[in-house]
Amino acid sequence: MDYVRRNQQIANSYYNLGLEKAQIRDLSGAAECLKKSLHFYKYQTDARNLLGLIYYEMGEVADAIVQWVISLNLQPENNRCDYYLDEIQRKPGRLEVASQNVKKFNQALLYAQTQAYDLAILQLAAAVEENDHYVKAQLLLALLYLSQENYTRAGKALHKVLQIDRSNRKALWYMSIVKENTGRAEIERQKLDNAFSHSRLEDDDIILPPTYKESTGGQMVLHMFIGVILGIAAFTTLVMPSIEEKLNNEHNQEIIEYSEQLSQSNIQIDQLESQLKEAEGAKENAEASLDSVVSDSNGTINQYASLARILQAYRDDDFQTAARIYASWNPALITAADLQPIIEQIHADMAENGWQVLDELGDAAVGSGDYAGALTYYDASLRLNGDNPGVLYDKALAMKSQGQEKEADDLFGQIIESYPDTDYASMSREQRGY
């Protein structure tokens, strides 16, 4: 068996395990299994699509889109992620909400760092109100409630997280703190003790022997007297020491419990301080997520979408459409390592063949009166081939038609200086008036 086939089998095993965990809402465990599956075989698109769904369910929209775009590039046909991306494209409001939530989470981290906990709670409460599946925001909100000893609200936030991801380690740890401080842990322990304890023999269960006979009056008095004496003696020798010992034990136990509570409080304070430091470290990751989830035309999501459209245009053998999208594309925002070889191939093809098409698109835009669009195409053409006086001249005319006289004259002057023996230099002199 070759290594490729063996890696595929291992990847499929991890995918099946991740699918089982996802079905029982063990999302953290499922994500770990799916990452291992992709580590062994990156073309396992089912694992990548499911990982994107898990990210989306936990409120990480940007990470989900990255996985789906990579999956669509690896398997363009009959890929379920095409449906997911189309759904997001059809409802742009989702991206806006995700963008605003990341901004609120980022601002809450800044407030928490400066100990403005009330402001941080307000930001996080607004974020989870928009999307109660935003797990990172729910966890940070619960942590801030714990720092204020508001265990009821912290428990509600953690309960929501555990409904989404029942094996989330941070949520389970925070919930244990909530239970210890609300008495819930003791109640659960008592329920377990009662469930496994045996019934004791009650007084009513004692059966009198058949040889028992009633005593006469004198015997009864004598027996009562003897019973009182024996009862006093038994109480003094047997009961009193046990009562004293019990009282001493209870007193010692109270001292131990108070000491443990004081120690536990100190431990919790240290743990909360450690969690806040961890939140400060997570600030950089949140800022990176914020950069990747923006709704403007130059946002990271739109650049991934533009890449997908360019690849589709290549598959449709529509080079003009690919060049048109390439003119306003900003691939610098795409940082996924798996996509870099594809981007380099697109750059190389456009540098060789695309600048002429972009120049023609600019001419067509000028003919329709769209001078701003024409400038976009001319600039893209010049980025691919800057040594082209014809494109420079066309750009200068478009700028002049748009009212940018000074910028157009500067460009005409550049043509005259750099290409003095060409027809474009003569036409530029006429445009300059000499």
Protein backbone atom coordinates (compact mmCIF):
# COMPACT_ATOMS: atom_id res chain seq x y z
CA MET A 1 0.00 0.00 0.00
CA ASP A 2 1.50 3.35 -1.00
CA TYR A 3 1.71 6.30 1.38
CA VAL A 4 -0.93 8.36 -0.44
CA ARG A 5 -3.60 5.69 -0.11
CA ARG A 6 -2.66 5.05 3.50
CA ASN A 7 -2.93 8.77 4.32
CA GLN A 8 -6.33 8.87 2.62
CA GLN A 9 -7.56 6.00 4.78
CA ILE A 10 -6.30 7.71 7.96
CA ALA A 11 -7.93 10.98 6.86
CA ASN A 12 -11.24 9.18 6.24
CA SER A 13 -11.07 7.59 9.70
CA TYR A 14 -10.54 10.97 11.36
CA TYR A 15 -13.38 12.41 9.27
CA ASN A 16 -15.77 9.67 10.38
CA LEU A 17 -14.76 10.20 14.00
CA GLY A 18 -15.25 13.97 13.63
CA LEU A 19 -18.67 13.40 12.06
CA GLU A 20 -19.73 11.23 15.01
CA LYS A 21 -18.58 13.86 17.49
CA ALA A 22 -20.38 16.61 15.56
CA GLN A 23 -23.62 14.61 15.61
CA ILE A 24 -23.56 14.59 19.43
CA ARG A 25 -22.55 18.28 19.51
CA ASP A 26 -19.00 17.65 20.65
CA LEU A 27 -17.89 20.45 18.32
CA SER A 28 -14.46 21.03 19.88
CA GLY A 29 -13.59 17.36 19.60
CA ALA A 30 -15.01 17.22 16.08
CA ALA A 31 -12.92 20.21 14.97
CA GLU A 32 -9.74 18.55 16.28
CA CYS A 33 -10.50 15.32 14.39
CA LEU A 34 -11.28 17.19 11.15
CA LYS A 35 -8.03 19.19 11.37
CA LYS A 36 -6.13 15.92 11.72
CA SER A 37 -8.02 14.54 8.73
CA LEU A 38 -6.92 17.53 6.61
CA HIS A 39 -3.38 17.19 7.94
CA PHE A 40 -3.15 13.70 6.42
CA TYR A 41 -5.04 14.54 3.20
CA LYS A 42 -5.86 18.15 2.34
CA TYR A 43 -8.16 17.13 -0.55
CA GLN A 44 -10.71 15.59 1.86
CA THR A 45 -13.34 18.22 0.97
CA ASP A 46 -16.05 16.60 3.10
CA ALA A 47 -13.90 17.16 6.19
CA ARG A 48 -13.13 20.74 5.12
CA ASN A 49 -16.82 21.51 4.49
CA LEU A 50 -17.83 20.07 7.87
CA LEU A 51 -15.08 22.04 9.59
CA GLY A 52 -16.46 25.19 7.97
CA LEU A 53 -19.95 24.35 9.25
CA ILE A 54 -18.58 23.89 12.78
CA TYR A 55 -16.80 27.26 12.59
CA TYR A 56 -20.03 28.85 11.34
CA GLU A 57 -22.08 27.25 14.14
CA MET A 58 -19.64 28.65 16.73
CA GLY A 59 -19.87 32.16 15.26
CA GLU A 60 -16.51 32.12 13.42
CA VAL A 61 -17.89 33.19 10.03
CA ALA A 62 -14.54 34.26 8.52
CA ASP A 63 -12.85 30.92 9.30
CA ALA A 64 -15.83 29.08 7.81
CA ILE A 65 -15.66 31.05 4.54
CA VAL A 66 -11.91 30.39 4.22
CA GLN A 67 -12.47 26.63 4.50
CA TRP A 68 -15.31 26.67 1.95
CA VAL A 69 -13.38 28.77 -0.60
CA ILE A 70 -10.41 26.39 -0.39
CA SER A 71 -12.78 23.42 -0.73
CA LEU A 72 -14.45 24.95 -3.81
CA ASN A 73 -11.06 25.50 -5.44
CA LEU A 74 -9.99 21.91 -4.77
CA GLN A 75 -13.30 20.45 -6.01
CA PRO A 76 -15.14 22.88 -8.34
CA GLU A 77 -17.90 20.44 -9.33
CA ASN A 78 -20.56 18.82 -7.12
CA ASN A 79 -19.29 20.55 -4.00
CA ARG A 80 -21.75 21.27 -1.20
CA CYS A 81 -19.80 24.35 -0.07
CA ASP A 82 -20.92 26.12 -3.25
CA TYR A 83 -24.41 26.18 -1.71
CA TYR A 84 -23.07 27.56 1.61
CA LEU A 85 -21.21 30.40 -0.14
CA ASP A 86 -24.24 31.22 -2.29
CA GLU A 87 -26.43 31.44 0.81
CA ILE A 88 -24.01 33.90 2.43
CA GLN A 89 -23.77 35.93 -0.79
CA ARG A 90 -27.59 36.11 -1.00
CA LYS A 91 -27.85 37.46 2.55
CA PRO A 92 -25.13 40.10 2.93
CA GLY A 93 -26.73 41.18 6.19
CA ARG A 94 -25.16 38.13 7.82
CA LEU A 95 -21.68 39.36 6.97
CA GLU A 96 -22.49 42.82 8.33
CA VAL A 97 -23.75 41.32 11.61
CA ALA A 98 -20.63 39.13 11.85
CA SER A 99 -18.41 42.14 11.18
CA GLN A 100 -20.11 44.23 13.86
CA ASN A 101 -19.93 41.36 16.36
CA VAL A 102 -16.18 40.97 15.86
CA LYS A 103 -15.75 44.72 16.36
CA LYS A 104 -17.77 44.55 19.58
CA PHE A 105 -15.74 41.57 20.81
CA ASN A 106 -12.50 43.37 20.00
CA GLN A 107 -13.68 46.50 21.83
CA ALA A 108 -14.74 44.38 24.81
CA LEU A 109 -11.24 42.88 24.99
CA LEU A 110 -9.80 46.40 25.08
CA TYR A 111 -12.19 47.41 27.85
CA ALA A 112 -11.35 44.26 29.83
CA GLN A 113 -7.64 45.01 29.47
CA THR A 114 -8.17 48.47 30.97
CA GLN A 115 -10.43 47.01 33.72
CA ALA A 116 -13.54 48.75 32.36
CA TYR A 117 -15.53 45.59 32.97
CA ASP A 118 -19.00 47.17 32.82
CA LEU A 119 -18.33 48.59 29.35
CA ALA A 120 -16.89 45.25 28.22
CA ILE A 121 -20.03 43.45 29.45
CA LEU A 122 -22.25 45.89 27.53
CA GLN A 123 -20.32 45.26 24.30
CA LEU A 124 -20.41 41.47 24.71
CA ALA A 125 -24.09 41.45 25.68
CA ALA A 126 -24.88 43.32 22.46
CA ALA A 127 -22.77 40.85 20.45
CA VAL A 128 -24.44 37.72 21.85
CA GLU A 129 -27.86 39.32 21.45
CA GLU A 130 -27.18 39.55 17.71
CA ASN A 131 -25.70 36.02 17.57
CA ASP A 132 -26.09 33.87 20.68
CA HIS A 133 -23.92 31.18 19.00
CA TYR A 134 -20.82 33.43 19.20
CA VAL A 135 -18.94 31.09 21.55
CA LYS A 136 -15.88 33.29 22.16
CA ALA A 137 -18.07 36.23 23.16
CA GLN A 138 -20.18 34.05 25.49
CA LEU A 139 -17.05 32.69 27.20
CA LEU A 140 -15.54 36.13 27.74
CA LEU A 141 -18.91 37.42 29.01
CA ALA A 142 -19.09 34.54 31.50
CA LEU A 143 -15.52 35.22 32.64
CA LEU A 144 -16.33 38.87 33.32
CA TYR A 145 -19.46 37.88 35.24
CA LEU A 146 -17.33 35.50 37.33
CA SER A 147 -14.91 38.31 38.14
CA GLN A 148 -17.91 40.30 39.47
CA GLU A 149 -19.26 37.21 41.34
CA ASN A 150 -22.45 37.34 39.28
CA TYR A 151 -22.69 33.56 39.09
CA THR A 152 -26.29 33.40 37.86
CA ARG A 153 -25.62 35.34 34.66
CA ALA A 154 -22.30 33.57 34.17
CA GLY A 155 -24.15 30.26 34.41
CA LYS A 156 -26.68 31.33 31.76
CA ALA A 157 -23.90 32.27 29.30
CA LEU A 158 -22.03 29.01 29.97
CA HIS A 159 -25.24 26.97 29.63
CA LYS A 160 -25.68 28.42 26.12
CA VAL A 161 -22.09 27.55 25.19
CA LEU A 162 -22.52 23.96 26.40
CA GLN A 163 -25.72 23.66 24.38
CA ILE A 164 -23.69 24.54 21.29
CA ASP A 165 -20.47 22.69 22.20
CA ARG A 166 -20.98 20.30 25.10
CA SER A 167 -17.26 19.46 25.45
CA ASN A 168 -15.89 23.02 25.46
CA ARG A 169 -13.12 22.84 28.05
CA LYS A 170 -13.24 26.47 29.13
CA ALA A 171 -17.01 26.39 29.52
CA LEU A 172 -16.84 23.22 31.65
CA TRP A 173 -14.15 24.73 33.86
CA TYR A 174 -16.04 28.00 34.35
CA MET A 175 -19.25 26.07 35.05
CA SER A 176 -17.53 24.10 37.83
CA ILE A 177 -16.67 27.43 39.49
CA VAL A 178 -20.27 28.57 39.14
CA LYS A 179 -21.59 25.35 40.71
CA GLU A 180 -19.17 25.52 43.63
CA ASN A 181 -20.24 29.09 44.44
CA THR A 182 -23.99 28.55 44.01
CA GLY A 183 -24.24 25.26 45.94
CA ARG A 184 -25.21 23.37 42.82
CA ALA A 185 -22.19 21.08 43.10
CA GLU A 186 -23.16 20.00 46.63
CA ILE A 187 -26.73 19.28 45.52
CA GLU A 188 -25.48 17.10 42.67
CA ARG A 189 -23.16 15.22 45.06
CA GLN A 190 -26.03 14.59 47.47
CA LYS A 191 -28.20 13.29 44.64
CA LEU A 192 -25.48 10.80 43.74
CA ASP A 193 -25.06 9.73 47.39
CA ASN A 194 -28.79 9.18 47.76
CA ALA A 195 -28.99 7.29 44.48
CA PHE A 196 -26.39 4.71 45.57
CA SER A 197 -27.14 4.50 49.30
CA HIS A 198 -29.02 1.56 50.94
CA SER A 199 -32.14 1.96 53.10
CA ARG A 200 -31.58 1.71 56.84
CA LEU A 201 -33.56 -0.34 59.35
CA GLU A 202 -36.22 1.82 61.04
CA ASP A 203 -37.70 1.38 64.52
CA ASP A 204 -40.98 0.17 63.04
CA ASP A 205 -39.14 -2.63 61.31
CA ILE A 206 -38.10 -4.29 64.64
CA ILE A 207 -40.02 -7.54 65.24
CA LEU A 208 -40.68 -8.51 68.88
CA PRO A 209 -39.78 -12.08 69.79
CA PRO A 210 -42.73 -14.46 70.43
CA THR A 211 -41.45 -15.27 73.99
CA TYR A 212 -42.21 -11.75 75.22
CA LYS A 213 -44.57 -11.62 78.23
CA GLU A 214 -46.10 -8.71 80.08
CA SER A 215 -44.74 -8.05 83.59
CA THR A 216 -46.72 -7.58 86.84
CA GLY A 217 -46.98 -4.17 88.60
CA GLY A 218 -44.09 -4.67 91.05
CA GLN A 219 -41.89 -6.15 88.39
CA MET A 220 -42.70 -3.24 86.13
CA VAL A 221 -41.60 -0.66 88.76
CA LEU A 222 -38.44 -2.61 89.46
CA HIS A 223 -37.70 -2.94 85.79
CA MET A 224 -38.29 0.79 85.26
CA PHE A 225 -35.91 1.67 88.11
CA ILE A 226 -33.26 -0.65 86.80
CA GLY A 227 -33.82 0.70 83.28
CA VAL A 228 -33.35 4.30 84.43
CA ILE A 229 -30.10 3.46 86.19
CA LEU A 230 -28.80 1.50 83.22
CA GLY A 231 -29.91 4.29 80.85
CA ILE A 232 -28.02 6.93 82.85
CA ALA A 233 -24.94 4.75 82.99
CA ALA A 234 -25.12 3.96 79.28
CA PHE A 235 -25.67 7.62 78.39
CA THR A 236 -22.68 8.67 80.51
CA THR A 237 -20.31 6.01 79.26
CA LEU A 238 -21.47 5.56 75.67
CA VAL A 239 -23.44 8.53 74.38
CA MET A 240 -21.69 11.49 76.04
CA PRO A 241 -18.19 10.68 74.65
CA SER A 242 -19.62 10.23 71.16
CA ILE A 243 -21.50 13.56 71.40
CA GLU A 244 -18.37 15.35 72.59
CA GLU A 245 -16.35 13.73 69.82
CA LYS A 246 -19.00 14.69 67.25
CA LEU A 247 -19.03 18.31 68.42
CA ASN A 248 -15.23 18.44 68.28
CA ASN A 249 -15.22 16.90 64.81
CA GLU A 250 -17.87 19.35 63.58
CA HIS A 251 -15.85 22.26 64.97
CA ASN A 252 -12.67 21.00 63.34
CA GLN A 253 -14.52 20.37 60.09
CA GLU A 254 -15.84 23.92 60.07
CA ILE A 255 -12.31 25.24 60.51
CA ILE A 256 -11.10 23.02 57.64
CA GLU A 257 -13.98 24.14 55.39
CA TYR A 258 -13.31 27.81 56.10
CA SER A 259 -9.62 27.27 55.31
CA GLU A 260 -10.50 25.44 52.08
CA GLN A 261 -12.94 28.20 51.03
CA LEU A 262 -10.27 30.84 51.64
CA SER A 263 -7.73 28.81 49.67
CA GLN A 264 -10.26 28.17 46.87
CA SER A 265 -11.02 31.90 46.65
CA ASN A 266 -7.33 32.68 46.29
CA ILE A 267 -7.02 30.00 43.59
CA GLN A 268 -10.01 31.40 41.72
CA ILE A 269 -8.55 34.91 41.83
CA ASP A 270 -5.28 33.62 40.39
CA GLN A 271 -7.18 31.68 37.72
CA LEU A 272 -9.27 34.72 36.72
CA GLU A 273 -6.13 36.85 36.46
CA SER A 274 -4.59 34.15 34.25
CA GLN A 275 -7.71 34.07 32.08
CA LEU A 276 -7.62 37.85 31.64
CA LYS A 277 -4.00 37.62 30.51
CA GLU A 278 -5.05 34.91 28.05
CA ALA A 279 -7.80 37.24 26.80
CA GLU A 280 -5.19 39.93 26.18
CA GLY A 281 -3.25 37.45 24.09
CA ALA A 282 -6.40 36.59 22.16
CA LYS A 283 -6.80 40.27 21.24
CA GLU A 284 -4.35 39.91 18.36
CA ASN A 285 -6.32 36.94 16.98
CA ALA A 286 -9.55 38.93 17.25
CA GLU A 287 -7.96 41.83 15.36
CA ALA A 288 -6.92 39.42 12.62
CA SER A 289 -10.49 38.11 12.47
CA LEU A 290 -11.76 41.69 12.33
CA ASP A 291 -9.55 42.40 9.32
CA SER A 292 -10.88 39.29 7.59
CA VAL A 293 -14.58 40.01 8.23
CA VAL A 294 -15.38 43.38 6.66
CA SER A 295 -18.23 44.29 4.38
CA ASP A 296 -16.72 46.94 2.12
CA SER A 297 -15.87 46.21 -1.50
CA ASN A 298 -12.15 45.67 -0.70
CA GLY A 299 -12.78 43.28 2.22
CA THR A 300 -11.09 39.92 2.61
CA ILE A 301 -14.29 37.95 2.04
CA ASN A 302 -14.91 39.74 -1.25
CA GLN A 303 -11.34 39.02 -2.36
CA TYR A 304 -11.89 35.30 -1.79
CA ALA A 305 -15.16 35.58 -3.71
CA SER A 306 -13.39 37.44 -6.54
CA LEU A 307 -10.80 34.66 -6.71
CA ALA A 308 -13.59 32.10 -7.03
CA ARG A 309 -15.20 34.13 -9.84
CA ILE A 310 -11.87 34.47 -11.69
CA LEU A 311 -11.34 30.70 -11.51
CA GLN A 312 -14.90 30.13 -12.72
CA ALA A 313 -14.24 32.49 -15.65
CA TYR A 314 -11.15 30.47 -16.54
CA ARG A 315 -13.19 27.27 -16.43
CA ASP A 316 -15.77 28.92 -18.72
CA ASP A 317 -12.96 30.02 -21.08
CA ASP A 318 -14.07 33.65 -20.57
CA PHE A 319 -10.75 35.45 -20.32
CA GLN A 320 -12.31 38.91 -20.69
CA THR A 321 -14.47 38.39 -17.58
CA ALA A 322 -11.43 37.10 -15.68
CA ALA A 323 -9.49 40.23 -16.66
CA ARG A 324 -12.40 42.50 -15.69
CA ILE A 325 -12.58 40.98 -12.19
CA TYR A 326 -8.77 41.01 -11.93
CA ALA A 327 -8.74 44.80 -12.48
CA SER A 328 -10.36 45.49 -9.08
CA TRP A 329 -9.00 42.43 -7.27
CA ASN A 330 -6.65 42.82 -4.28
CA PRO A 331 -5.01 39.40 -3.72
CA ALA A 332 -2.74 40.80 -1.00
CA LEU A 333 -5.60 40.27 1.47
CA ILE A 334 -5.64 36.52 0.78
CA THR A 335 -3.14 34.87 3.15
CA ALA A 336 -4.11 31.20 2.81
CA ALA A 337 -0.93 29.29 1.88
CA ASP A 338 -2.85 26.73 -0.20
CA LEU A 339 -4.05 29.45 -2.58
CA GLN A 340 -0.74 31.22 -3.21
CA PRO A 341 0.38 28.97 -6.14
CA ILE A 342 -2.96 29.60 -7.86
CA ILE A 343 -2.65 33.36 -7.37
CA GLU A 344 0.88 33.32 -8.81
CA GLN A 345 -0.37 31.48 -11.91
CA ILE A 346 -3.11 34.08 -12.40
CA HIS A 347 -0.57 36.91 -12.07
CA ALA A 348 1.72 35.31 -14.63
CA ASP A 349 -1.08 34.73 -17.14
CA MET A 350 -2.41 38.27 -16.76
CA ALA A 351 1.08 39.77 -17.10
CA GLU A 352 1.51 37.98 -20.42
CA ASN A 353 -1.96 38.29 -21.94
CA GLY A 354 -4.16 40.36 -19.69
CA TRP A 355 -2.86 43.90 -20.11
CA GLN A 356 -4.13 44.15 -23.70
CA VAL A 357 -7.60 42.95 -22.66
CA LEU A 358 -7.65 45.45 -19.80
CA ASP A 359 -6.71 48.25 -22.22
CA GLU A 360 -9.59 47.23 -24.50
CA LEU A 361 -11.98 47.17 -21.55
CA GLY A 362 -10.84 50.68 -20.64
CA ASP A 363 -11.52 51.87 -24.21
CA ALA A 364 -15.00 50.31 -24.05
CA ALA A 365 -15.69 52.06 -20.74
CA VAL A 366 -14.64 55.40 -22.26
CA GLY A 367 -16.99 54.77 -25.16
CA SER A 368 -19.87 54.30 -22.72
CA GLY A 369 -18.93 57.43 -20.72
CA ASP A 370 -17.68 55.50 -17.67
CA TYR A 371 -14.39 57.35 -17.19
CA ALA A 372 -13.90 56.20 -13.59
CA GLY A 373 -14.24 52.57 -14.68
CA ALA A 374 -11.90 53.19 -17.59
CA LEU A 375 -9.23 54.51 -15.24
CA THR A 376 -9.53 51.34 -13.15
CA TYR A 377 -8.88 49.17 -16.22
CA TYR A 378 -6.00 51.39 -17.46
CA ASP A 379 -4.33 51.31 -14.04
CA ALA A 380 -4.62 47.52 -13.91
CA SER A 381 -3.13 47.27 -17.41
CA LEU A 382 -0.22 49.52 -16.43
CA ARG A 383 0.44 47.46 -13.31
CA LEU A 384 0.95 44.47 -15.57
CA ASN A 385 2.89 46.34 -18.28
CA GLY A 386 4.04 49.81 -17.27
CA ASP A 387 6.16 50.37 -20.39
CA ASN A 388 3.23 51.19 -22.68
CA PRO A 389 2.80 54.79 -23.95
CA GLY A 390 -0.51 53.91 -25.66
CA VAL A 391 -2.18 52.96 -22.38
CA LEU A 392 -0.65 55.99 -20.67
CA TYR A 393 -2.09 58.24 -23.40
CA ASP A 394 -5.54 56.63 -23.10
CA LYS A 395 -5.44 57.11 -19.35
CA ALA A 396 -4.47 60.78 -19.72
CA LEU A 397 -7.39 61.39 -22.13
CA ALA A 398 -9.80 59.72 -19.68
CA MET A 399 -8.51 61.87 -16.83
CA LYS A 400 -8.87 65.01 -18.95
CA SER A 401 -12.43 64.07 -19.88
CA GLN A 402 -13.19 63.60 -16.19
CA GLY A 403 -11.95 67.12 -15.37
CA GLN A 404 -8.56 66.18 -13.95
CA GLU A 405 -6.68 68.66 -16.15
CA LYS A 406 -3.51 68.96 -14.06
CA GLU A 407 -3.08 65.20 -13.59
CA ALA A 408 -3.69 64.64 -17.33
CA ASP A 409 -1.08 67.29 -18.30
CA ASP A 410 1.44 65.66 -15.96
CA LEU A 411 0.82 62.32 -17.67
CA PHE A 412 1.13 63.89 -21.16
CA GLY A 413 4.44 65.38 -20.01
CA GLN A 414 5.61 61.97 -18.86
CA ILE A 415 4.87 60.51 -22.31
CA ILE A 416 6.72 63.37 -24.06
CA GLU A 417 9.75 62.92 -21.81
CA SER A 418 9.89 59.10 -21.76
CA TYR A 419 8.78 58.38 -25.35
CA PRO A 420 9.87 61.46 -27.39
CA ASP A 421 10.08 59.73 -30.80
CA THR A 422 6.64 58.13 -30.77
CA ASP A 423 3.33 59.27 -32.25
CA TYR A 424 1.93 59.39 -28.72
CA ALA A 425 4.50 62.06 -27.84
CA SER A 426 3.31 64.20 -30.80
CA MET A 427 -0.33 63.75 -29.80
CA SER A 428 0.56 64.58 -26.21
CA ARG A 429 2.18 67.87 -27.34
CA GLU A 430 -1.03 68.74 -29.18
CA GLN A 431 -3.02 68.02 -26.05
CA ARG A 432 -0.66 70.24 -24.05
CA GLY A 433 -1.00 73.00 -26.66
CA TYR A 434 2.56 73.17 -28.05
